[in-house]
Amino acid sequence: MRTMRVTRRGLALAATITLFAATPAAALNHTVVTVGGDGSPNIFDFEAINTNTIGLMTNYGLETRCDSSEIEGYINQGETVAVGNVIGEITDLLFYDCTWSSLNIPVTVTADSGALEVREQPTNPGDPIALTITGLELHVLHLPGGGTCEYWAEGSIDATFYPGPTDGVNAAIELAAADFGPPESGFDLDITAGNGNGIPSVSSCFGGIQTGDQLGAWYDDEVAGVQSRFGLDTLGEGDISHG
């Protein structure tokens, strides 16, 4: 009697066939973004404010902390919640009541846009959604009038989207704090120093910021592990979820 020999190649082929056969069923688990329980295609504006202190940190340990924020954006109702899909966008961002480093230099933080891109598919309807906020372009400027501290930071920040209702708001976004490691992770915004007048330079902020440094989100309370968080308001349209 002939004996079948199971090879690694055969096992890999079998696994590939099994995965391919399972793909249509897995696709059925995809949910769509809902606003007020409605998943039909539409776009709804939202406003957001921070529900705790917002932290940003360079990979050299210099922190910017902001107590207040104003954020505007929109949600893509009806968008499929699948890896790589954009379920909304931040269109305007302003952090204020901010200070840089232990020197407590007053700064503002602004950004023009950032897409809310699905990073991992949630298991169940209504589960938190792992996001990456991509295409961010932050501008940090000393007030008044620049002069001593300015830099830009471009790239992405990982975050978690918490469907509403949550904490009395229609949804929430929590930024994932970077990690010094080893290995370092989460410092995904590339810094370009400025001269205080909108012109790139080698360094800024008394030499504390160098072009080529990196920036990531940081904790509201590192000891307690509290992440920087925003509450979203759909202006009366209802809670944001997926199902």
C-alpha atoms as a PDB file:
ATOM      1  CA  MET A   1       0.000   0.000   0.000  1.00  0.00           C
ATOM      2  CA  ARG A   2       1.314   3.423  -0.913  1.00  0.00           C
ATOM      3  CA  THR A   3       1.818   5.804   1.999  1.00  0.00           C
ATOM      4  CA  MET A   4       1.045   9.529   1.506  1.00  0.00           C
ATOM      5  CA  ARG A   5       3.896  11.771   2.578  1.00  0.00           C
ATOM      6  CA  VAL A   6       2.731  15.117   4.058  1.00  0.00           C
ATOM      7  CA  THR A   7       5.229  17.822   3.195  1.00  0.00           C
ATOM      8  CA  ARG A   8       5.515  21.403   4.394  1.00  0.00           C
ATOM      9  CA  ARG A   9       4.533  22.515   0.924  1.00  0.00           C
ATOM     10  CA  GLY A  10       1.419  20.323   1.092  1.00  0.00           C
ATOM     11  CA  LEU A  11       0.483  21.706   4.489  1.00  0.00           C
ATOM     12  CA  ALA A  12       0.933  25.266   3.248  1.00  0.00           C
ATOM     13  CA  LEU A  13      -1.222  24.541   0.200  1.00  0.00           C
ATOM     14  CA  ALA A  14      -3.925  23.005   2.382  1.00  0.00           C
ATOM     15  CA  ALA A  15      -3.860  26.045   4.679  1.00  0.00           C
ATOM     16  CA  THR A  16      -4.141  28.365   1.690  1.00  0.00           C
ATOM     17  CA  ILE A  17      -7.139  26.466   0.326  1.00  0.00           C
ATOM     18  CA  THR A  18      -8.803  26.500   3.748  1.00  0.00           C
ATOM     19  CA  LEU A  19      -8.232  30.256   4.086  1.00  0.00           C
ATOM     20  CA  PHE A  20      -9.559  30.922   0.605  1.00  0.00           C
ATOM     21  CA  ALA A  21     -12.662  28.864   1.284  1.00  0.00           C
ATOM     22  CA  ALA A  22     -13.254  30.730   4.548  1.00  0.00           C
ATOM     23  CA  THR A  23     -12.951  34.200   3.027  1.00  0.00           C
ATOM     24  CA  PRO A  24     -16.600  34.647   1.887  1.00  0.00           C
ATOM     25  CA  ALA A  25     -17.891  33.653   5.320  1.00  0.00           C
ATOM     26  CA  ALA A  26     -15.453  36.015   7.036  1.00  0.00           C
ATOM     27  CA  ALA A  27     -16.641  38.855   4.822  1.00  0.00           C
ATOM     28  CA  LEU A  28     -20.123  38.418   6.265  1.00  0.00           C
ATOM     29  CA  ASN A  29     -18.740  39.600   9.604  1.00  0.00           C
ATOM     30  CA  HIS A  30     -17.972  43.054   8.258  1.00  0.00           C
ATOM     31  CA  THR A  31     -20.165  45.758   9.766  1.00  0.00           C
ATOM     32  CA  VAL A  32     -20.992  49.260   8.555  1.00  0.00           C
ATOM     33  CA  VAL A  33     -20.763  52.585  10.355  1.00  0.00           C
ATOM     34  CA  THR A  34     -24.066  53.743  11.811  1.00  0.00           C
ATOM     35  CA  VAL A  35     -25.195  57.119  13.109  1.00  0.00           C
ATOM     36  CA  GLY A  36     -28.310  57.091  15.245  1.00  0.00           C
ATOM     37  CA  GLY A  37     -28.772  53.436  14.273  1.00  0.00           C
ATOM     38  CA  ASP A  38     -28.859  54.166  10.517  1.00  0.00           C
ATOM     39  CA  GLY A  39     -26.275  52.526   8.247  1.00  0.00           C
ATOM     40  CA  SER A  40     -27.386  53.922   4.886  1.00  0.00           C
ATOM     41  CA  PRO A  41     -24.656  55.895   3.069  1.00  0.00           C
ATOM     42  CA  ASN A  42     -24.381  59.480   4.297  1.00  0.00           C
ATOM     43  CA  ILE A  43     -21.891  61.922   5.774  1.00  0.00           C
ATOM     44  CA  PHE A  44     -22.355  63.552   9.176  1.00  0.00           C
ATOM     45  CA  ASP A  45     -20.283  66.269  10.783  1.00  0.00           C
ATOM     46  CA  PHE A  46     -18.984  65.973  14.307  1.00  0.00           C
ATOM     47  CA  GLU A  47     -17.347  68.231  16.823  1.00  0.00           C
ATOM     48  CA  ALA A  48     -15.003  66.949  19.511  1.00  0.00           C
ATOM     49  CA  ILE A  49     -13.297  68.178  22.638  1.00  0.00           C
ATOM     50  CA  ASN A  50     -10.765  66.499  24.869  1.00  0.00           C
ATOM     51  CA  THR A  51     -12.123  64.794  27.965  1.00  0.00           C
ATOM     52  CA  ASN A  52      -8.715  64.890  29.685  1.00  0.00           C
ATOM     53  CA  THR A  53      -5.282  66.409  29.172  1.00  0.00           C
ATOM     54  CA  ILE A  54      -3.735  65.688  25.760  1.00  0.00           C
ATOM     55  CA  GLY A  55      -0.111  64.605  25.719  1.00  0.00           C
ATOM     56  CA  LEU A  56       2.461  64.508  22.902  1.00  0.00           C
ATOM     57  CA  MET A  57       6.017  63.247  23.400  1.00  0.00           C
ATOM     58  CA  THR A  58       9.198  63.241  21.314  1.00  0.00           C
ATOM     59  CA  ASN A  59      11.381  60.156  21.188  1.00  0.00           C
ATOM     60  CA  TYR A  60      13.877  62.161  23.251  1.00  0.00           C
ATOM     61  CA  GLY A  61      11.433  62.603  26.116  1.00  0.00           C
ATOM     62  CA  LEU A  62      10.261  66.196  25.596  1.00  0.00           C
ATOM     63  CA  GLU A  63       6.531  66.555  26.164  1.00  0.00           C
ATOM     64  CA  THR A  64       3.803  68.917  24.996  1.00  0.00           C
ATOM     65  CA  ARG A  65       0.654  68.949  27.152  1.00  0.00           C
ATOM     66  CA  CYS A  66      -2.649  70.599  26.183  1.00  0.00           C
ATOM     67  CA  ASP A  67      -5.651  71.230  28.418  1.00  0.00           C
ATOM     68  CA  SER A  68      -8.156  72.353  25.757  1.00  0.00           C
ATOM     69  CA  SER A  69      -9.067  71.473  22.182  1.00  0.00           C
ATOM     70  CA  GLU A  70     -11.475  72.205  19.347  1.00  0.00           C
ATOM     71  CA  ILE A  71     -11.856  69.534  16.674  1.00  0.00           C
ATOM     72  CA  GLU A  72     -14.144  69.260  13.658  1.00  0.00           C
ATOM     73  CA  GLY A  73     -14.595  66.370  11.249  1.00  0.00           C
ATOM     74  CA  TYR A  74     -17.056  64.017   9.626  1.00  0.00           C
ATOM     75  CA  ILE A  75     -18.123  60.378   9.806  1.00  0.00           C
ATOM     76  CA  ASN A  76     -18.807  58.220   6.735  1.00  0.00           C
ATOM     77  CA  GLN A  77     -22.091  56.582   7.677  1.00  0.00           C
ATOM     78  CA  GLY A  78     -22.524  53.295   5.805  1.00  0.00           C
ATOM     79  CA  GLU A  79     -18.785  52.743   5.299  1.00  0.00           C
ATOM     80  CA  THR A  80     -17.732  49.116   5.743  1.00  0.00           C
ATOM     81  CA  VAL A  81     -15.601  48.592   8.849  1.00  0.00           C
ATOM     82  CA  ALA A  82     -12.734  46.699   7.220  1.00  0.00           C
ATOM     83  CA  VAL A  83      -8.968  47.061   7.427  1.00  0.00           C
ATOM     84  CA  GLY A  84      -7.766  50.014   5.346  1.00  0.00           C
ATOM     85  CA  ASN A  85     -11.184  51.661   4.976  1.00  0.00           C
ATOM     86  CA  VAL A  86     -11.604  55.286   6.045  1.00  0.00           C
ATOM     87  CA  ILE A  87     -14.624  55.722   8.327  1.00  0.00           C
ATOM     88  CA  GLY A  88     -14.227  59.476   8.758  1.00  0.00           C
ATOM     89  CA  GLU A  89     -11.836  62.379   8.860  1.00  0.00           C
ATOM     90  CA  ILE A  90     -10.630  65.114  11.163  1.00  0.00           C
ATOM     91  CA  THR A  91     -10.806  68.272   9.075  1.00  0.00           C
ATOM     92  CA  ASP A  92      -9.730  70.898  11.582  1.00  0.00           C
ATOM     93  CA  LEU A  93      -7.857  70.636  14.867  1.00  0.00           C
ATOM     94  CA  LEU A  94      -6.716  73.169  17.440  1.00  0.00           C
ATOM     95  CA  PHE A  95      -5.128  72.377  20.797  1.00  0.00           C
ATOM     96  CA  TYR A  96      -4.601  75.289  23.146  1.00  0.00           C
ATOM     97  CA  ASP A  97      -3.724  75.964  26.764  1.00  0.00           C
ATOM     98  CA  CYS A  98      -0.598  74.008  25.831  1.00  0.00           C
ATOM     99  CA  THR A  99       2.913  74.029  27.259  1.00  0.00           C
ATOM    100  CA  TRP A 100       6.137  72.540  25.907  1.00  0.00           C
ATOM    101  CA  SER A 101       8.599  70.683  28.151  1.00  0.00           C
ATOM    102  CA  SER A 102       9.360  71.348  31.802  1.00  0.00           C
ATOM    103  CA  LEU A 103      10.149  74.923  30.754  1.00  0.00           C
ATOM    104  CA  ASN A 104       6.369  75.402  30.353  1.00  0.00           C
ATOM    105  CA  ILE A 105       6.755  77.384  27.138  1.00  0.00           C
ATOM    106  CA  PRO A 106       3.230  78.292  25.931  1.00  0.00           C
ATOM    107  CA  VAL A 107       2.433  76.824  22.490  1.00  0.00           C
ATOM    108  CA  THR A 108      -0.542  76.013  20.281  1.00  0.00           C
ATOM    109  CA  VAL A 109      -0.942  72.830  18.236  1.00  0.00           C
ATOM    110  CA  THR A 110      -2.901  72.914  14.964  1.00  0.00           C
ATOM    111  CA  ALA A 111      -3.608  70.414  12.172  1.00  0.00           C
ATOM    112  CA  ASP A 112      -5.537  70.527   8.906  1.00  0.00           C
ATOM    113  CA  SER A 113      -6.604  66.913   8.478  1.00  0.00           C
ATOM    114  CA  GLY A 114      -6.293  63.288   9.484  1.00  0.00           C
ATOM    115  CA  ALA A 115      -8.137  60.273   8.058  1.00  0.00           C
ATOM    116  CA  LEU A 116      -9.663  57.716  10.464  1.00  0.00           C
ATOM    117  CA  GLU A 117      -8.425  54.472   8.899  1.00  0.00           C
ATOM    118  CA  VAL A 118      -9.418  51.051  10.240  1.00  0.00           C
ATOM    119  CA  ARG A 119      -6.329  49.197  11.509  1.00  0.00           C
ATOM    120  CA  GLU A 120      -7.981  45.980  12.729  1.00  0.00           C
ATOM    121  CA  GLN A 121     -11.419  44.566  12.045  1.00  0.00           C
ATOM    122  CA  PRO A 122     -13.488  44.364  15.267  1.00  0.00           C
ATOM    123  CA  THR A 123     -14.872  40.962  16.211  1.00  0.00           C
ATOM    124  CA  ASN A 124     -18.454  41.977  16.974  1.00  0.00           C
ATOM    125  CA  PRO A 125     -20.868  44.799  16.117  1.00  0.00           C
ATOM    126  CA  GLY A 126     -20.424  47.684  18.518  1.00  0.00           C
ATOM    127  CA  ASP A 127     -16.916  46.640  19.592  1.00  0.00           C
ATOM    128  CA  PRO A 128     -14.167  49.284  19.812  1.00  0.00           C
ATOM    129  CA  ILE A 129     -12.403  49.852  16.473  1.00  0.00           C
ATOM    130  CA  ALA A 130      -8.595  49.968  16.218  1.00  0.00           C
ATOM    131  CA  LEU A 131      -7.728  52.976  14.028  1.00  0.00           C
ATOM    132  CA  THR A 132      -4.736  54.753  12.616  1.00  0.00           C
ATOM    133  CA  ILE A 133      -5.156  58.502  12.141  1.00  0.00           C
ATOM    134  CA  THR A 134      -3.201  58.972   8.914  1.00  0.00           C
ATOM    135  CA  GLY A 135      -2.032  62.007   6.983  1.00  0.00           C
ATOM    136  CA  LEU A 136      -1.618  64.162  10.076  1.00  0.00           C
ATOM    137  CA  GLU A 137       0.317  67.414   9.749  1.00  0.00           C
ATOM    138  CA  LEU A 138       0.720  69.059  13.148  1.00  0.00           C
ATOM    139  CA  HIS A 139       2.169  72.530  13.652  1.00  0.00           C
ATOM    140  CA  VAL A 140       3.459  73.469  17.106  1.00  0.00           C
ATOM    141  CA  LEU A 141       4.210  77.162  17.654  1.00  0.00           C
ATOM    142  CA  HIS A 142       5.340  79.170  20.648  1.00  0.00           C
ATOM    143  CA  LEU A 143       3.056  82.043  21.589  1.00  0.00           C
ATOM    144  CA  PRO A 144       3.164  84.930  21.214  1.00  0.00           C
ATOM    145  CA  GLY A 145       4.663  85.234  17.769  1.00  0.00           C
ATOM    146  CA  GLY A 146       6.934  82.197  17.564  1.00  0.00           C
ATOM    147  CA  GLY A 147      10.581  83.046  18.040  1.00  0.00           C
ATOM    148  CA  THR A 148      11.754  80.425  20.513  1.00  0.00           C
ATOM    149  CA  CYS A 149       9.934  77.222  19.592  1.00  0.00           C
ATOM    150  CA  GLU A 150       8.326  75.892  16.398  1.00  0.00           C
ATOM    151  CA  TYR A 151       8.106  72.543  14.671  1.00  0.00           C
ATOM    152  CA  TRP A 152       6.001  70.479  12.276  1.00  0.00           C
ATOM    153  CA  ALA A 153       5.213  66.794  12.681  1.00  0.00           C
ATOM    154  CA  GLU A 154       3.868  64.652   9.831  1.00  0.00           C
ATOM    155  CA  GLY A 155       2.722  61.046   9.880  1.00  0.00           C
ATOM    156  CA  SER A 156       0.216  58.981  11.838  1.00  0.00           C
ATOM    157  CA  ILE A 157      -1.037  58.152  15.332  1.00  0.00           C
ATOM    158  CA  ASP A 158      -2.712  54.886  16.350  1.00  0.00           C
ATOM    159  CA  ALA A 159      -5.983  55.251  18.232  1.00  0.00           C
ATOM    160  CA  THR A 160      -9.078  53.379  19.385  1.00  0.00           C
ATOM    161  CA  PHE A 161     -12.600  54.425  18.402  1.00  0.00           C
ATOM    162  CA  TYR A 162     -15.197  53.739  21.112  1.00  0.00           C
ATOM    163  CA  PRO A 163     -18.762  53.592  19.735  1.00  0.00           C
ATOM    164  CA  GLY A 164     -21.446  55.553  21.553  1.00  0.00           C
ATOM    165  CA  PRO A 165     -23.029  56.063  23.813  1.00  0.00           C
ATOM    166  CA  THR A 166     -19.928  56.302  25.976  1.00  0.00           C
ATOM    167  CA  ASP A 167     -19.237  58.641  28.871  1.00  0.00           C
ATOM    168  CA  GLY A 168     -22.195  60.824  27.908  1.00  0.00           C
ATOM    169  CA  VAL A 169     -20.987  61.481  24.336  1.00  0.00           C
ATOM    170  CA  ASN A 170     -21.867  60.054  20.902  1.00  0.00           C
ATOM    171  CA  ALA A 171     -18.482  58.294  20.542  1.00  0.00           C
ATOM    172  CA  ALA A 172     -14.896  58.698  21.702  1.00  0.00           C
ATOM    173  CA  ILE A 173     -11.397  58.497  20.224  1.00  0.00           C
ATOM    174  CA  GLU A 174      -8.487  57.513  22.458  1.00  0.00           C
ATOM    175  CA  LEU A 175      -4.914  58.039  21.269  1.00  0.00           C
ATOM    176  CA  ALA A 176      -2.477  55.163  21.786  1.00  0.00           C
ATOM    177  CA  ALA A 177       0.534  56.310  23.795  1.00  0.00           C
ATOM    178  CA  ALA A 178       3.972  55.756  22.288  1.00  0.00           C
ATOM    179  CA  ASP A 179       6.390  53.393  23.997  1.00  0.00           C
ATOM    180  CA  PHE A 180      10.102  53.971  24.632  1.00  0.00           C
ATOM    181  CA  GLY A 181      10.605  50.209  24.617  1.00  0.00           C
ATOM    182  CA  PRO A 182      12.957  48.698  23.747  1.00  0.00           C
ATOM    183  CA  PRO A 183      12.059  48.653  20.954  1.00  0.00           C
ATOM    184  CA  GLU A 184      10.541  52.094  20.508  1.00  0.00           C
ATOM    185  CA  SER A 185       7.054  52.162  19.003  1.00  0.00           C
ATOM    186  CA  GLY A 186       4.353  54.703  18.312  1.00  0.00           C
ATOM    187  CA  PHE A 187       6.664  57.611  17.496  1.00  0.00           C
ATOM    188  CA  ASP A 188       5.268  57.799  13.965  1.00  0.00           C
ATOM    189  CA  LEU A 189       5.228  61.551  13.337  1.00  0.00           C
ATOM    190  CA  ASP A 190       8.405  62.907  11.707  1.00  0.00           C
ATOM    191  CA  ILE A 191       9.533  66.279  13.061  1.00  0.00           C
ATOM    192  CA  THR A 192      10.868  69.242  11.105  1.00  0.00           C
ATOM    193  CA  ALA A 193      12.151  72.065  13.283  1.00  0.00           C
ATOM    194  CA  GLY A 194      11.161  75.670  12.522  1.00  0.00           C
ATOM    195  CA  ASN A 195      12.770  79.035  13.148  1.00  0.00           C
ATOM    196  CA  GLY A 196       9.661  80.555  14.728  1.00  0.00           C
ATOM    197  CA  ASN A 197       8.682  82.364  11.543  1.00  0.00           C
ATOM    198  CA  GLY A 198       7.378  79.431   9.505  1.00  0.00           C
ATOM    199  CA  ILE A 199      10.724  78.507   7.952  1.00  0.00           C
ATOM    200  CA  PRO A 200      12.263  75.026   8.452  1.00  0.00           C
ATOM    201  CA  SER A 201      15.542  74.859  10.358  1.00  0.00           C
ATOM    202  CA  VAL A 202      17.950  72.326  11.828  1.00  0.00           C
ATOM    203  CA  SER A 203      16.803  72.834  15.416  1.00  0.00           C
ATOM    204  CA  SER A 204      14.364  74.812  17.540  1.00  0.00           C
ATOM    205  CA  CYS A 205      13.076  75.155  21.089  1.00  0.00           C
ATOM    206  CA  PHE A 206      16.529  75.958  22.529  1.00  0.00           C
ATOM    207  CA  GLY A 207      17.975  72.922  20.741  1.00  0.00           C
ATOM    208  CA  GLY A 208      15.435  70.558  22.321  1.00  0.00           C
ATOM    209  CA  ILE A 209      13.782  69.882  18.958  1.00  0.00           C
ATOM    210  CA  GLN A 210      15.879  68.665  16.036  1.00  0.00           C
ATOM    211  CA  THR A 211      14.804  67.954  12.484  1.00  0.00           C
ATOM    212  CA  GLY A 212      14.629  64.153  12.280  1.00  0.00           C
ATOM    213  CA  ASP A 213      13.216  63.677  15.792  1.00  0.00           C
ATOM    214  CA  GLN A 214       9.918  61.829  16.065  1.00  0.00           C
ATOM    215  CA  LEU A 215       6.672  62.500  17.917  1.00  0.00           C
ATOM    216  CA  GLY A 216       3.920  60.303  19.322  1.00  0.00           C
ATOM    217  CA  ALA A 217       0.851  60.569  21.510  1.00  0.00           C
ATOM    218  CA  TRP A 218       1.425  60.401  25.245  1.00  0.00           C
ATOM    219  CA  TYR A 219      -0.491  59.787  28.450  1.00  0.00           C
ATOM    220  CA  ASP A 220      -2.791  62.106  30.346  1.00  0.00           C
ATOM    221  CA  ASP A 221      -1.569  60.225  33.428  1.00  0.00           C
ATOM    222  CA  GLU A 222       1.354  57.888  32.742  1.00  0.00           C
ATOM    223  CA  VAL A 223       1.298  56.331  36.216  1.00  0.00           C
ATOM    224  CA  ALA A 224      -2.396  55.409  35.942  1.00  0.00           C
ATOM    225  CA  GLY A 225      -2.047  54.519  32.250  1.00  0.00           C
ATOM    226  CA  VAL A 226      -4.749  57.010  31.205  1.00  0.00           C
ATOM    227  CA  GLN A 227      -4.583  57.727  27.456  1.00  0.00           C
ATOM    228  CA  SER A 228      -5.384  61.048  25.781  1.00  0.00           C
ATOM    229  CA  ARG A 229      -9.090  60.964  24.837  1.00  0.00           C
ATOM    230  CA  PHE A 230     -11.684  62.995  22.902  1.00  0.00           C
ATOM    231  CA  GLY A 231     -15.478  62.946  23.085  1.00  0.00           C
ATOM    232  CA  LEU A 232     -17.419  63.261  19.779  1.00  0.00           C
ATOM    233  CA  ASP A 233     -20.713  65.120  19.353  1.00  0.00           C
ATOM    234  CA  THR A 234     -22.757  64.540  16.160  1.00  0.00           C
ATOM    235  CA  LEU A 235     -24.817  67.690  16.744  1.00  0.00           C
ATOM    236  CA  GLY A 236     -28.069  65.863  17.435  1.00  0.00           C
ATOM    237  CA  GLU A 237     -27.757  63.086  14.822  1.00  0.00           C
ATOM    238  CA  GLY A 238     -27.222  60.327  17.402  1.00  0.00           C
ATOM    239  CA  ASP A 239     -24.561  57.898  18.542  1.00  0.00           C
ATOM    240  CA  ILE A 240     -21.855  56.624  16.207  1.00  0.00           C
ATOM    241  CA  SER A 241     -21.473  52.843  16.168  1.00  0.00           C
ATOM    242  CA  HIS A 242     -21.268  49.943  13.695  1.00  0.00           C
ATOM    243  CA  GLY A 243     -23.467  46.951  13.014  1.00  0.00           C
END
